């Protein structure tokens, strides 16, 4: 028996995403994400990952409401610690940050299947700018990023979106090529585009058998954690101040 079933996907298809009659099916799928969280979060903490579970935000709602009129995906999300978010807010100002204004790692389910993702939403302006500034500092940072992307193999895909519309899709295996990476970065505008890297599996994949799924999905989350740790702002990964101190070296080399 697998963690999710084909019937779970039906409740998230566009035809049923706004239908309250499918709330029960979505709640059952959401309960599976809760079950998954209970089995992987302890290991994440044991590994000292700098990502945290926020009960009020981390698991997306399953019931159609005025706040969520359409539910086409269910997610389990992890983001930076609250004290780090507050420190970033204090240091760089701007409007008060919400959890939606931070980069995050996630595992989810939609009408196509299961996905593991790393997302910098357009609203995560500071994390996005930190990532971008780090890459334009020079060749060593890009080399590190390309090495991390190479470890994803051929399964990861980067999507750039603007206001929900996909403007670019590229396989992570292609981003290992410096020219492709540079061309992609030229199209990325921090604060305007969502940057999303996702790996997908079919719900029928044998690796998602209930007894194997936690280890399989944690392994994939660990691959994306390397990207998250490389990119997002923290006191030890501060490229917002450095960009002010010295001129940008541009997209290339």
Protein backbone atom coordinates (compact mmCIF):
# COMPACT_ATOMS: atom_id res chain seq x y z
CA UNK A 1 0.00 0.00 0.00
CA UNK A 2 1.31 3.43 -0.94
CA UNK A 3 1.23 6.61 1.11
CA UNK A 4 -1.16 8.28 -1.34
CA UNK A 5 -3.63 6.85 -3.85
CA UNK A 6 -5.03 7.79 -7.23
CA UNK A 7 -8.30 8.73 -5.54
CA UNK A 8 -6.41 11.39 -3.54
CA UNK A 9 -5.46 13.07 -6.81
CA UNK A 10 -9.07 13.30 -7.94
CA UNK A 11 -9.95 15.65 -5.08
CA UNK A 12 -7.18 18.02 -6.20
CA UNK A 13 -7.99 18.06 -9.91
CA UNK A 14 -9.21 21.36 -11.30
CA UNK A 15 -12.72 19.97 -11.77
CA UNK A 16 -13.08 19.24 -8.03
CA UNK A 17 -10.68 21.74 -6.38
CA UNK A 18 -13.54 24.09 -5.42
CA UNK A 19 -16.07 21.39 -4.55
CA UNK A 20 -16.80 21.00 -0.80
CA UNK A 21 -18.00 17.47 -1.51
CA UNK A 22 -14.32 16.51 -1.82
CA UNK A 23 -13.28 18.06 1.51
CA UNK A 24 -13.30 14.66 3.23
CA UNK A 25 -10.99 13.16 0.61
CA UNK A 26 -8.66 16.14 0.92
CA UNK A 27 -8.65 15.84 4.71
CA UNK A 28 -7.66 12.20 4.43
CA UNK A 29 -4.74 13.13 2.17
CA UNK A 30 -3.80 15.94 4.55
CA UNK A 31 -3.78 13.45 7.42
CA UNK A 32 -1.20 11.47 5.48
CA UNK A 33 1.00 14.58 5.34
CA UNK A 34 0.60 14.96 9.11
CA UNK A 35 1.60 11.30 9.50
CA UNK A 36 4.62 11.92 7.28
CA UNK A 37 5.67 14.98 9.28
CA UNK A 38 5.56 12.97 12.51
CA UNK A 39 8.01 10.49 11.00
CA UNK A 40 10.54 12.80 9.38
CA UNK A 41 10.71 15.92 11.55
CA UNK A 42 12.56 14.26 14.40
CA UNK A 43 15.27 13.15 11.98
CA UNK A 44 15.46 16.66 10.51
CA UNK A 45 16.02 18.08 14.00
CA UNK A 46 18.58 15.35 14.78
CA UNK A 47 20.51 16.39 11.67
CA UNK A 48 20.36 20.01 12.89
CA UNK A 49 18.65 21.29 9.79
CA UNK A 50 17.97 25.00 10.08
CA UNK A 51 14.30 24.69 9.10
CA UNK A 52 11.28 24.62 11.36
CA UNK A 53 7.67 23.49 11.49
CA UNK A 54 5.07 26.20 12.15
CA UNK A 55 1.75 24.61 13.24
CA UNK A 56 -0.31 27.58 12.06
CA UNK A 57 1.22 27.58 8.57
CA UNK A 58 3.20 24.47 7.68
CA UNK A 59 0.31 22.19 6.65
CA UNK A 60 -2.05 23.71 4.12
CA UNK A 61 -5.83 23.59 4.66
CA UNK A 62 -7.89 20.81 3.11
CA UNK A 63 -11.34 22.35 3.42
CA UNK A 64 -12.78 24.82 0.90
CA UNK A 65 -13.55 28.17 2.55
CA UNK A 66 -13.69 31.89 1.84
CA UNK A 67 -9.96 32.03 2.60
CA UNK A 68 -9.22 28.99 0.41
CA UNK A 69 -11.93 28.86 -2.28
CA UNK A 70 -9.96 26.39 -4.41
CA UNK A 71 -7.55 23.69 -3.22
CA UNK A 72 -5.52 22.11 -6.00
CA UNK A 73 -2.53 21.13 -3.85
CA UNK A 74 -1.78 20.09 -0.28
CA UNK A 75 1.61 20.91 1.21
CA UNK A 76 3.78 20.20 4.21
CA UNK A 77 6.23 23.12 4.50
CA UNK A 78 9.27 24.03 6.57
CA UNK A 79 10.98 27.42 6.82
CA UNK A 80 13.56 29.29 8.86
CA UNK A 81 13.35 29.80 12.60
CA UNK A 82 11.20 32.65 13.87
CA UNK A 83 14.13 34.38 15.57
CA UNK A 84 16.08 34.39 12.27
CA UNK A 85 13.10 35.91 10.46
CA UNK A 86 12.81 38.59 13.15
CA UNK A 87 16.53 39.34 12.96
CA UNK A 88 16.32 39.69 9.17
CA UNK A 89 13.32 42.01 9.53
CA UNK A 90 15.10 44.12 12.14
CA UNK A 91 18.30 44.41 10.12
CA UNK A 92 16.82 45.19 6.70
CA UNK A 93 13.44 46.73 7.48
CA UNK A 94 10.44 46.71 5.20
CA UNK A 95 6.90 45.59 6.07
CA UNK A 96 6.42 42.96 8.79
CA UNK A 97 7.29 39.48 7.52
CA UNK A 98 4.83 36.61 7.42
CA UNK A 99 5.69 32.95 6.78
CA UNK A 100 4.71 33.54 3.14
CA UNK A 101 7.57 36.05 2.89
CA UNK A 102 10.28 33.43 3.45
CA UNK A 103 11.84 30.69 1.35
CA UNK A 104 10.68 27.19 2.27
CA UNK A 105 11.07 23.47 1.68
CA UNK A 106 8.04 21.31 1.15
CA UNK A 107 6.45 17.98 0.31
CA UNK A 108 3.09 18.00 -1.38
CA UNK A 109 0.39 16.39 -3.45
CA UNK A 110 -1.52 17.76 -6.43
CA UNK A 111 -3.53 16.42 -9.34
CA UNK A 112 -0.38 15.04 -10.99
CA UNK A 113 1.18 13.25 -8.05
CA UNK A 114 3.68 13.79 -5.24
CA UNK A 115 6.32 16.50 -5.30
CA UNK A 116 9.23 17.63 -3.14
CA UNK A 117 10.10 21.29 -3.64
CA UNK A 118 12.22 24.25 -2.69
CA UNK A 119 10.46 27.55 -3.19
CA UNK A 120 11.45 31.21 -3.00
CA UNK A 121 8.16 33.06 -3.50
CA UNK A 122 8.19 36.52 -5.04
CA UNK A 123 7.13 37.85 -1.64
CA UNK A 124 10.34 36.44 -0.11
CA UNK A 125 12.21 39.48 -1.37
CA UNK A 126 15.10 39.36 1.09
CA UNK A 127 15.83 35.65 0.67
CA UNK A 128 15.61 36.01 -3.12
CA UNK A 129 17.94 39.01 -3.15
CA UNK A 130 20.41 37.23 -0.88
CA UNK A 131 20.46 34.25 -3.26
CA UNK A 132 20.88 36.46 -6.32
CA UNK A 133 23.58 38.62 -4.73
CA UNK A 134 25.55 35.54 -3.71
CA UNK A 135 25.54 34.21 -7.27
CA UNK A 136 26.67 37.46 -8.87
CA UNK A 137 29.63 37.75 -6.49
CA UNK A 138 31.67 35.54 -8.81
CA UNK A 139 32.55 32.11 -10.15
CA UNK A 140 33.09 30.16 -6.88
CA UNK A 141 29.47 30.61 -5.75
CA UNK A 142 28.12 29.54 -9.14
CA UNK A 143 30.40 26.53 -9.13
CA UNK A 144 28.99 25.49 -5.75
CA UNK A 145 25.43 25.92 -6.99
CA UNK A 146 26.13 23.86 -10.10
CA UNK A 147 27.59 21.07 -7.96
CA UNK A 148 24.47 20.99 -5.79
CA UNK A 149 22.24 20.96 -8.88
CA UNK A 150 24.28 18.13 -10.39
CA UNK A 151 23.55 16.01 -7.31
CA UNK A 152 19.82 16.21 -8.10
CA UNK A 153 20.43 14.12 -11.19
CA UNK A 154 17.84 14.42 -13.91
CA UNK A 155 14.78 14.65 -11.67
CA UNK A 156 14.64 18.29 -10.58
CA UNK A 157 12.96 21.04 -12.61
CA UNK A 158 13.23 24.79 -12.06
CA UNK A 159 10.14 26.88 -12.74
CA UNK A 160 10.08 30.67 -12.74
CA UNK A 161 6.60 32.10 -12.26
CA UNK A 162 5.19 35.60 -12.26
CA UNK A 163 1.77 36.08 -10.65
CA UNK A 164 1.05 32.38 -11.07
CA UNK A 165 2.05 32.21 -14.74
CA UNK A 166 5.01 30.01 -15.69
CA UNK A 167 7.57 32.01 -17.66
CA UNK A 168 10.38 29.45 -17.70
CA UNK A 169 10.83 25.71 -17.11
CA UNK A 170 14.29 24.17 -17.22
CA UNK A 171 15.67 20.85 -16.01
CA UNK A 172 18.18 21.20 -13.18
CA UNK A 173 20.54 18.93 -15.11
CA UNK A 174 20.75 21.65 -17.78
CA UNK A 175 21.52 24.33 -15.19
CA UNK A 176 24.83 22.59 -14.51
CA UNK A 177 25.90 24.15 -17.81
CA UNK A 178 27.23 27.63 -16.98
CA UNK A 179 25.71 29.28 -20.04
CA UNK A 180 22.26 27.88 -19.27
CA UNK A 181 22.59 28.99 -15.63
CA UNK A 182 23.64 32.49 -16.65
CA UNK A 183 20.80 32.80 -19.14
CA UNK A 184 18.34 31.68 -16.48
CA UNK A 185 19.66 34.14 -13.91
CA UNK A 186 19.29 36.95 -16.42
CA UNK A 187 15.55 36.22 -16.49
CA UNK A 188 15.17 36.01 -12.70
CA UNK A 189 14.13 39.20 -10.91
CA UNK A 190 14.12 38.88 -7.09
CA UNK A 191 10.85 40.11 -5.66
CA UNK A 192 9.05 39.65 -8.99
CA UNK A 193 9.40 35.95 -9.78
CA UNK A 194 8.73 32.78 -7.80
CA UNK A 195 11.76 30.46 -7.97
CA UNK A 196 10.68 26.85 -7.55
CA UNK A 197 12.68 23.64 -7.89
CA UNK A 198 10.63 20.46 -7.66
CA UNK A 199 11.14 16.72 -7.98
CA UNK A 200 8.07 14.63 -8.83
CA UNK A 201 6.96 11.05 -8.26
CA UNK A 202 3.83 9.17 -9.26
CA UNK A 203 1.59 8.10 -6.37
CA UNK A 204 1.96 4.53 -7.68
CA UNK A 205 5.77 4.60 -7.44
CA UNK A 206 6.93 1.66 -5.33
CA UNK A 207 9.32 3.98 -3.49
CA UNK A 208 6.23 5.62 -1.97
CA UNK A 209 5.03 2.46 -0.25
CA UNK A 210 3.91 3.47 3.23
CA UNK A 211 6.86 1.76 4.93
CA UNK A 212 9.40 3.32 2.54
CA UNK A 213 7.95 6.77 1.78
CA UNK A 214 9.30 8.65 4.83
CA UNK A 215 12.91 7.69 4.05
CA UNK A 216 12.49 8.31 0.32
CA UNK A 217 10.92 11.73 0.72
CA UNK A 218 13.36 12.76 3.46
CA UNK A 219 16.24 11.81 1.14
CA UNK A 220 14.85 14.08 -1.58
CA UNK A 221 14.17 16.85 0.89
CA UNK A 222 17.80 16.58 2.01
CA UNK A 223 18.94 17.15 -1.57
CA UNK A 224 16.95 20.37 -1.73
CA UNK A 225 18.04 21.41 1.76
CA UNK A 226 21.52 21.90 0.33
CA UNK A 227 20.08 24.52 -2.03
CA UNK A 228 18.06 26.14 0.73
CA UNK A 229 21.06 26.41 3.03
CA UNK A 230 23.20 27.82 0.20
CA UNK A 231 20.69 30.49 -0.78
CA UNK A 232 18.61 31.91 2.03
CA UNK A 233 19.60 34.69 4.37
CA UNK A 234 20.95 33.89 7.80
CA UNK A 235 23.53 35.65 9.99
CA UNK A 236 26.15 33.24 8.61
CA UNK A 237 24.97 33.53 5.00
CA UNK A 238 24.53 37.28 4.66
CA UNK A 239 24.99 38.52 1.11
CA UNK A 240 22.67 41.48 1.47
CA UNK A 241 25.27 43.54 3.34
CA UNK A 242 28.12 42.41 1.09
CA UNK A 243 26.32 43.62 -2.02
CA UNK A 244 26.21 47.09 -0.48
CA UNK A 245 29.91 47.02 0.30
CA UNK A 246 31.23 46.16 -3.17
CA UNK A 247 30.04 46.46 -6.77
CA UNK A 248 28.38 43.50 -8.46
CA UNK A 249 30.54 41.42 -10.75
CA UNK A 250 27.55 40.81 -13.05
CA UNK A 251 25.94 37.57 -14.15
CA UNK A 252 29.03 36.09 -15.78
CA UNK A 253 31.42 34.36 -15.26
